[in-house]
Amino acid sequence: MNITYRPFYFNSDEDCGRLAEWSNDPALKHLINRFPSQEACAKEFTPDHYRSMGRNPPLKGTSKRFMIQLDDVPVGHARLDLNTH
């Protein structure tokens, strides 16, 4: 087994589609801390949602997103927030 990571590509249909699929998976959705209520958890994510994040990065701070791969197969996503202070 070989675990690697690579940049997450916001302009990639494959990356954005996979992240939308994972974000909408009922078995995983409750693990994502951006869903503080049942109403918020009901939100459906699309690949366009993630593409727009790449076009409109946060104004403050720096973050990097990575696709985690196992034997070159994407198995997860990570966001690394860097403190610029």
Protein backbone atom coordinates (compact mmCIF):
# COMPACT_ATOMS: atom_id res chain seq x y z
CA MET A 1 0.00 0.00 0.00
CA ASN A 2 1.22 3.44 -0.95
CA ILE A 3 -0.42 6.52 0.58
CA THR A 4 0.23 9.80 -1.24
CA TYR A 5 -1.38 13.18 -1.55
CA ARG A 6 -1.71 15.67 -4.36
CA PRO A 7 -3.29 19.08 -4.76
CA PHE A 8 -7.08 19.19 -5.01
CA TYR A 9 -7.98 20.68 -8.40
CA PHE A 10 -11.03 22.95 -8.25
CA ASN A 11 -11.21 22.99 -12.06
CA SER A 12 -11.35 19.19 -12.25
CA ASP A 13 -14.76 17.60 -12.84
CA GLU A 14 -13.41 14.40 -11.31
CA ASP A 15 -12.12 16.02 -8.09
CA CYS A 16 -15.19 18.24 -7.59
CA GLY A 17 -17.56 15.38 -8.42
CA ARG A 18 -15.85 13.03 -6.00
CA LEU A 19 -15.90 15.60 -3.19
CA ALA A 20 -19.60 16.31 -3.82
CA GLU A 21 -20.28 12.55 -3.73
CA TRP A 22 -18.43 12.17 -0.43
CA SER A 23 -20.09 15.28 1.05
CA ASN A 24 -23.56 13.94 0.22
CA ASP A 25 -22.94 10.38 1.43
CA PRO A 26 -25.26 9.81 4.43
CA ALA A 27 -22.68 7.54 6.06
CA LEU A 28 -20.11 10.38 6.03
CA LYS A 29 -22.17 13.56 6.14
CA HIS A 30 -22.64 13.57 9.91
CA LEU A 31 -18.84 13.60 10.34
CA ILE A 32 -18.43 16.94 8.61
CA ASN A 33 -18.49 19.70 11.23
CA ARG A 34 -20.03 22.33 8.96
CA PHE A 35 -23.47 20.76 9.53
CA PRO A 36 -24.59 22.04 12.96
CA SER A 37 -28.29 21.23 12.39
CA GLN A 38 -30.51 18.74 10.59
CA GLU A 39 -31.60 21.49 8.21
CA ALA A 40 -28.02 22.32 7.29
CA CYS A 41 -27.21 18.62 6.99
CA ALA A 42 -29.99 18.27 4.41
CA LYS A 43 -28.10 20.53 1.99
CA GLU A 44 -27.00 18.76 -1.19
CA PHE A 45 -23.59 19.60 -2.61
CA THR A 46 -22.82 19.67 -6.32
CA PRO A 47 -19.52 19.71 -8.22
CA ASP A 48 -20.31 23.38 -9.07
CA HIS A 49 -20.28 24.20 -5.36
CA TYR A 50 -16.65 23.09 -5.13
CA ARG A 51 -15.67 24.70 -8.44
CA SER A 52 -17.01 28.02 -7.12
CA MET A 53 -14.87 27.63 -4.00
CA GLY A 54 -11.82 27.56 -6.25
CA ARG A 55 -12.93 30.73 -8.04
CA ASN A 56 -13.72 32.54 -4.78
CA PRO A 57 -11.08 31.63 -2.21
CA PRO A 58 -11.44 33.04 1.33
CA LEU A 59 -10.31 36.62 1.73
CA LYS A 60 -8.50 35.97 5.02
CA GLY A 61 -5.95 33.30 5.74
CA THR A 62 -4.39 30.71 3.55
CA SER A 63 -5.60 27.18 3.09
CA LYS A 64 -4.47 24.33 0.90
CA ARG A 65 -6.60 21.39 -0.15
CA PHE A 66 -5.29 17.94 -0.94
CA MET A 67 -6.63 14.69 -2.34
CA ILE A 68 -5.37 11.71 -0.34
CA GLN A 69 -4.71 8.63 -2.45
CA LEU A 70 -4.14 4.97 -1.71
CA ASP A 71 -2.28 3.26 -4.54
CA ASP A 72 -3.23 6.22 -6.80
CA VAL A 73 -6.96 5.89 -5.96
CA PRO A 74 -8.55 8.91 -4.20
CA VAL A 75 -9.73 7.88 -0.74
CA GLY A 76 -10.02 11.19 1.10
CA HIS A 77 -9.68 14.94 1.14
CA ALA A 78 -7.86 17.23 3.54
CA ARG A 79 -7.82 20.98 4.05
CA LEU A 80 -4.80 22.51 5.71
CA ASP A 81 -5.35 25.99 7.16
CA LEU A 82 -2.15 27.97 7.55
CA ASN A 83 -1.87 30.69 10.14
CA THR A 84 -0.23 33.71 8.55
CA HIS A 85 0.24 35.70 11.79
